C-alpha atoms as a PDB file:
ATOM      1  CA  MET A   1       0.000   0.000   0.000  1.00  0.00           C
ATOM      2  CA  ASN A   2       2.787   2.335   0.763  1.00  0.00           C
ATOM      3  CA  GLU A   3       4.045   1.864  -2.760  1.00  0.00           C
ATOM      4  CA  ASP A   4       0.610   2.689  -4.139  1.00  0.00           C
ATOM      5  CA  ILE A   5       0.563   5.811  -2.056  1.00  0.00           C
ATOM      6  CA  LYS A   6       4.037   6.708  -3.193  1.00  0.00           C
ATOM      7  CA  ASN A   7       3.154   6.038  -6.848  1.00  0.00           C
ATOM      8  CA  ASN A   8      -0.058   7.966  -6.545  1.00  0.00           C
ATOM      9  CA  GLY A   9       1.839  10.738  -4.872  1.00  0.00           C
ATOM     10  CA  GLN A  10       4.389  10.793  -7.670  1.00  0.00           C
ATOM     11  CA  ASN A  11       1.730  10.598 -10.321  1.00  0.00           C
ATOM     12  CA  SER A  12      -0.233  13.388  -8.785  1.00  0.00           C
ATOM     13  CA  GLY A  13       2.991  15.331  -8.446  1.00  0.00           C
ATOM     14  CA  ASP A  14       3.876  14.608 -12.054  1.00  0.00           C
ATOM     15  CA  GLN A  15       0.518  15.684 -13.439  1.00  0.00           C
ATOM     16  CA  PRO A  16       0.837  19.341 -12.408  1.00  0.00           C
ATOM     17  CA  GLN A  17       4.344  19.294 -13.884  1.00  0.00           C
ATOM     18  CA  GLU A  18       2.957  17.861 -17.142  1.00  0.00           C
ATOM     19  CA  LEU A  19       0.197  20.463 -17.188  1.00  0.00           C
ATOM     20  CA  SER A  20       2.697  23.217 -16.690  1.00  0.00           C
ATOM     21  CA  ASP A  21       4.741  21.786 -19.575  1.00  0.00           C
ATOM     22  CA  ALA A  22       1.606  21.783 -21.719  1.00  0.00           C
ATOM     23  CA  ASP A  23       0.912  25.366 -20.651  1.00  0.00           C
ATOM     24  CA  LYS A  24       4.471  26.312 -21.540  1.00  0.00           C
ATOM     25  CA  LEU A  25       4.096  24.708 -24.953  1.00  0.00           C
ATOM     26  CA  LYS A  26       0.804  26.512 -25.565  1.00  0.00           C
ATOM     27  CA  LYS A  27       2.358  29.798 -24.485  1.00  0.00           C
ATOM     28  CA  GLU A  28       5.348  29.198 -26.753  1.00  0.00           C
ATOM     29  CA  ARG A  29       3.017  28.253 -29.623  1.00  0.00           C
ATOM     30  CA  ASP A  30       0.995  31.440 -29.115  1.00  0.00           C
ATOM     31  CA  GLU A  31       4.184  33.549 -29.081  1.00  0.00           C
ATOM     32  CA  TYR A  32       5.340  31.995 -32.356  1.00  0.00           C
ATOM     33  CA  LEU A  33       1.902  32.486 -33.900  1.00  0.00           C
ATOM     34  CA  ASP A  34       1.809  36.142 -32.811  1.00  0.00           C
ATOM     35  CA  GLY A  35       5.304  36.697 -34.184  1.00  0.00           C
ATOM     36  CA  TRP A  36       4.376  35.109 -37.484  1.00  0.00           C
ATOM     37  CA  GLN A  37       1.192  37.198 -37.723  1.00  0.00           C
ATOM     38  CA  ARG A  38       3.135  40.402 -36.985  1.00  0.00           C
ATOM     39  CA  ALA A  39       5.751  39.537 -39.588  1.00  0.00           C
ATOM     40  CA  ARG A  40       3.012  38.813 -42.133  1.00  0.00           C
ATOM     41  CA  ALA A  41       1.280  42.154 -41.385  1.00  0.00           C
ATOM     42  CA  GLU A  42       4.616  43.983 -41.698  1.00  0.00           C
ATOM     43  CA  LEU A  43       5.218  42.336 -45.073  1.00  0.00           C
ATOM     44  CA  ILE A  44       1.777  43.375 -46.321  1.00  0.00           C
ATOM     45  CA  ASN A  45       2.365  46.964 -45.135  1.00  0.00           C
ATOM     46  CA  TYR A  46       5.809  46.968 -46.749  1.00  0.00           C
ATOM     47  CA  LYS A  47       4.317  45.854 -50.069  1.00  0.00           C
ATOM     48  CA  LYS A  48       1.695  48.629 -49.876  1.00  0.00           C
ATOM     49  CA  ASP A  49       4.355  51.239 -49.072  1.00  0.00           C
ATOM     50  CA  GLU A  50       6.532  50.064 -51.939  1.00  0.00           C
ATOM     51  CA  ALA A  51       3.590  50.219 -54.337  1.00  0.00           C
ATOM     52  CA  LYS A  52       2.946  53.822 -53.268  1.00  0.00           C
ATOM     53  CA  ARG A  53       6.626  54.712 -53.707  1.00  0.00           C
ATOM     54  CA  PHE A  54       6.666  53.105 -57.136  1.00  0.00           C
ATOM     55  CA  GLU A  55       3.555  55.073 -58.167  1.00  0.00           C
ATOM     56  CA  ILE A  56       5.188  58.337 -57.050  1.00  0.00           C
ATOM     57  CA  PHE A  57       8.398  57.431 -58.857  1.00  0.00           C
ATOM     58  CA  LYS A  58       6.473  56.539 -62.001  1.00  0.00           C
ATOM     59  CA  ASN A  59       4.549  59.815 -61.963  1.00  0.00           C
ATOM     60  CA  PHE A  60       7.668  61.956 -61.696  1.00  0.00           C
ATOM     61  CA  ALA A  61      10.289  59.854 -63.500  1.00  0.00           C
ATOM     62  CA  ASN A  62       9.734  61.782 -66.721  1.00  0.00           C
ATOM     63  CA  GLU A  63       9.848  65.217 -65.092  1.00  0.00           C
ATOM     64  CA  MET A  64      13.121  66.307 -66.738  1.00  0.00           C
ATOM     65  CA  ILE A  65      11.953  65.255 -70.199  1.00  0.00           C
ATOM     66  CA  VAL A  66       8.610  66.980 -69.673  1.00  0.00           C
ATOM     67  CA  ARG A  67      10.396  70.181 -68.610  1.00  0.00           C
ATOM     68  CA  ASP A  68      12.471  70.097 -71.790  1.00  0.00           C
ATOM     69  CA  LEU A  69       9.364  69.522 -73.900  1.00  0.00           C
ATOM     70  CA  ILE A  70       7.670  72.499 -72.220  1.00  0.00           C
ATOM     71  CA  THR A  71      10.528  74.648 -73.527  1.00  0.00           C
ATOM     72  CA  ILE A  72       9.948  73.259 -77.014  1.00  0.00           C
ATOM     73  CA  LEU A  73       6.237  74.024 -76.649  1.00  0.00           C
ATOM     74  CA  ASP A  74       7.156  77.630 -75.762  1.00  0.00           C
ATOM     75  CA  SER A  75       9.335  77.838 -78.859  1.00  0.00           C
ATOM     76  CA  PHE A  76       6.426  76.578 -80.954  1.00  0.00           C
ATOM     77  CA  ASP A  77       4.238  79.329 -79.510  1.00  0.00           C
ATOM     78  CA  LEU A  78       6.844  81.961 -80.404  1.00  0.00           C
ATOM     79  CA  ALA A  79       7.178  80.585 -83.937  1.00  0.00           C
ATOM     80  CA  ILE A  80       3.418  80.536 -84.436  1.00  0.00           C
ATOM     81  CA  ALA A  81       3.094  84.094 -83.095  1.00  0.00           C
ATOM     82  CA  ALA A  82       5.808  85.294 -85.493  1.00  0.00           C
ATOM     83  CA  LEU A  83       4.192  83.535 -88.442  1.00  0.00           C
ATOM     84  CA  GLU A  84       0.758  84.904 -87.508  1.00  0.00           C
ATOM     85  CA  LYS A  85       2.157  88.457 -87.743  1.00  0.00           C
ATOM     86  CA  ASP A  86       3.287  87.743 -91.295  1.00  0.00           C
ATOM     87  CA  GLY A  87       0.068  85.864 -92.084  1.00  0.00           C
ATOM     88  CA  LYS A  88       2.030  82.688 -92.859  1.00  0.00           C
ATOM     89  CA  ALA A  89       0.887  80.454 -89.980  1.00  0.00           C
ATOM     90  CA  GLU A  90      -0.357  77.183 -91.376  1.00  0.00           C
ATOM     91  CA  LYS A  91      -2.748  74.634 -89.994  1.00  0.00           C
ATOM     92  CA  GLY A  92       0.011  72.010 -89.718  1.00  0.00           C
ATOM     93  CA  LEU A  93       1.901  74.001 -87.081  1.00  0.00           C
ATOM     94  CA  TYR A  94      -1.193  74.208 -84.896  1.00  0.00           C
ATOM     95  CA  LEU A  95      -1.716  70.495 -85.349  1.00  0.00           C
ATOM     96  CA  ILE A  96       1.852  69.633 -84.309  1.00  0.00           C
ATOM     97  CA  ARG A  97       1.638  71.922 -81.281  1.00  0.00           C
ATOM     98  CA  SER A  98      -1.669  70.345 -80.311  1.00  0.00           C
ATOM     99  CA  GLN A  99      -0.193  66.842 -80.613  1.00  0.00           C
ATOM    100  CA  ILE A 100       2.746  67.718 -78.371  1.00  0.00           C
ATOM    101  CA  GLU A 101       0.403  69.281 -75.812  1.00  0.00           C
ATOM    102  CA  ASP A 102      -1.933  66.260 -75.880  1.00  0.00           C
ATOM    103  CA  THR A 103       0.977  63.855 -75.426  1.00  0.00           C
ATOM    104  CA  LEU A 104       2.201  65.828 -72.424  1.00  0.00           C
ATOM    105  CA  LYS A 105      -1.315  65.819 -70.964  1.00  0.00           C
ATOM    106  CA  ASN A 106      -1.308  62.024 -71.213  1.00  0.00           C
ATOM    107  CA  TYR A 107       1.786  62.023 -68.979  1.00  0.00           C
ATOM    108  CA  GLY A 108       0.045  64.205 -66.370  1.00  0.00           C
ATOM    109  CA  LEU A 109       0.990  67.719 -67.484  1.00  0.00           C
ATOM    110  CA  GLU A 110      -1.599  70.425 -67.022  1.00  0.00           C
ATOM    111  CA  ARG A 111      -1.418  74.140 -67.612  1.00  0.00           C
ATOM    112  CA  LEU A 112      -1.882  76.638 -64.791  1.00  0.00           C
ATOM    113  CA  MET A 113      -4.717  78.927 -65.743  1.00  0.00           C
ATOM    114  CA  VAL A 114      -3.761  82.563 -65.159  1.00  0.00           C
ATOM    115  CA  SER A 115      -5.889  85.546 -66.072  1.00  0.00           C
ATOM    116  CA  ALA A 116      -5.588  89.295 -65.717  1.00  0.00           C
ATOM    117  CA  GLY A 117      -7.074  90.542 -62.466  1.00  0.00           C
ATOM    118  CA  GLN A 118      -6.284  87.312 -60.617  1.00  0.00           C
ATOM    119  CA  VAL A 119      -4.616  87.724 -57.206  1.00  0.00           C
ATOM    120  CA  PHE A 120      -0.856  87.102 -57.289  1.00  0.00           C
ATOM    121  CA  ASP A 121      -0.020  83.790 -55.578  1.00  0.00           C
ATOM    122  CA  PRO A 122       3.732  83.299 -54.969  1.00  0.00           C
ATOM    123  CA  SER A 123       3.267  79.529 -54.659  1.00  0.00           C
ATOM    124  CA  VAL A 124       2.312  79.250 -58.357  1.00  0.00           C
ATOM    125  CA  HIS A 125       3.330  82.619 -59.849  1.00  0.00           C
ATOM    126  CA  ASP A 126       6.730  84.146 -60.439  1.00  0.00           C
ATOM    127  CA  ALA A 127       6.648  87.949 -60.689  1.00  0.00           C
ATOM    128  CA  VAL A 128       8.974  89.091 -63.482  1.00  0.00           C
ATOM    129  CA  ALA A 129       7.868  92.736 -63.419  1.00  0.00           C
ATOM    130  CA  VAL A 130       5.959  95.103 -61.175  1.00  0.00           C
ATOM    131  CA  ILE A 131       4.028  97.733 -63.112  1.00  0.00           C
ATOM    132  CA  GLU A 132       2.155 100.763 -61.871  1.00  0.00           C
ATOM    133  CA  SER A 133      -1.459 100.314 -62.822  1.00  0.00           C
ATOM    134  CA  ASN A 134      -5.032 101.263 -62.004  1.00  0.00           C
ATOM    135  CA  GLU A 135      -5.575  97.636 -60.973  1.00  0.00           C
ATOM    136  CA  PRO A 136      -5.475  96.792 -57.257  1.00  0.00           C
ATOM    137  CA  SER A 137      -1.982  96.167 -55.909  1.00  0.00           C
ATOM    138  CA  GLY A 138      -0.923  92.524 -56.001  1.00  0.00           C
ATOM    139  CA  THR A 139      -3.066  91.468 -58.956  1.00  0.00           C
ATOM    140  CA  VAL A 140      -1.809  89.855 -62.119  1.00  0.00           C
ATOM    141  CA  ILE A 141      -1.773  92.182 -65.123  1.00  0.00           C
ATOM    142  CA  GLU A 142      -0.354  89.866 -67.762  1.00  0.00           C
ATOM    143  CA  GLU A 143       0.958  86.322 -68.136  1.00  0.00           C
ATOM    144  CA  VAL A 144       4.421  86.411 -69.680  1.00  0.00           C
ATOM    145  CA  GLU A 145       5.109  82.666 -69.658  1.00  0.00           C
ATOM    146  CA  ARG A 146       2.772  79.764 -68.938  1.00  0.00           C
ATOM    147  CA  GLY A 147       3.072  77.703 -65.773  1.00  0.00           C
ATOM    148  CA  TYR A 148       2.583  73.942 -65.565  1.00  0.00           C
ATOM    149  CA  LEU A 149       1.777  71.190 -63.069  1.00  0.00           C
ATOM    150  CA  LEU A 150       2.928  67.595 -63.501  1.00  0.00           C
ATOM    151  CA  ASN A 151       0.599  65.187 -61.680  1.00  0.00           C
ATOM    152  CA  GLY A 152      -0.327  67.979 -59.279  1.00  0.00           C
ATOM    153  CA  LYS A 153       3.278  69.076 -58.610  1.00  0.00           C
ATOM    154  CA  LEU A 154       4.415  72.497 -59.798  1.00  0.00           C
ATOM    155  CA  VAL A 155       7.159  72.022 -62.407  1.00  0.00           C
ATOM    156  CA  ARG A 156       7.212  75.596 -63.652  1.00  0.00           C
ATOM    157  CA  PRO A 157       5.515  78.618 -62.113  1.00  0.00           C
ATOM    158  CA  ALA A 158       3.632  81.018 -64.368  1.00  0.00           C
ATOM    159  CA  ARG A 159       5.731  84.133 -64.967  1.00  0.00           C
ATOM    160  CA  VAL A 160       3.563  87.210 -64.637  1.00  0.00           C
ATOM    161  CA  LYS A 161       3.540  90.984 -64.457  1.00  0.00           C
ATOM    162  CA  VAL A 162       2.012  92.272 -61.242  1.00  0.00           C
ATOM    163  CA  ALA A 163       0.220  95.573 -60.500  1.00  0.00           C
ATOM    164  CA  LYS A 164       1.766  97.992 -58.035  1.00  0.00           C
END
């Protein structure tokens, strides 16, 4: 009987130890599962962030080329204006200019709309001259050179004359 009591005592003593081992294993399992879930969430967030960065890069990768083409567009405007004075402007020139402008629009370029009487905004306008005028001070009198946005980012401010 003493042996039975001893065995029962050992068994009952072993059972709590086994339960604590099972609890340890469950705790360890839960820690690994939580770690895996965190790592998975971080990977998903990383992929989203990289996709956003790629989209931004894609939108502005052509910025230098677009800036150069804006200069060519300005030259076209000057050539057309000179030919209009002589009465020699032909339909083909307008067509070519329109094609260049449409192509640039497809890449996200849009013109800043500036009109006389508009309030001067230094974030999108560049004052090239200040002229005394009957207009209220700080208003745009004339647009000297067009301004442009590329996918919402200012790539060239509109150059304007401002009333004093």
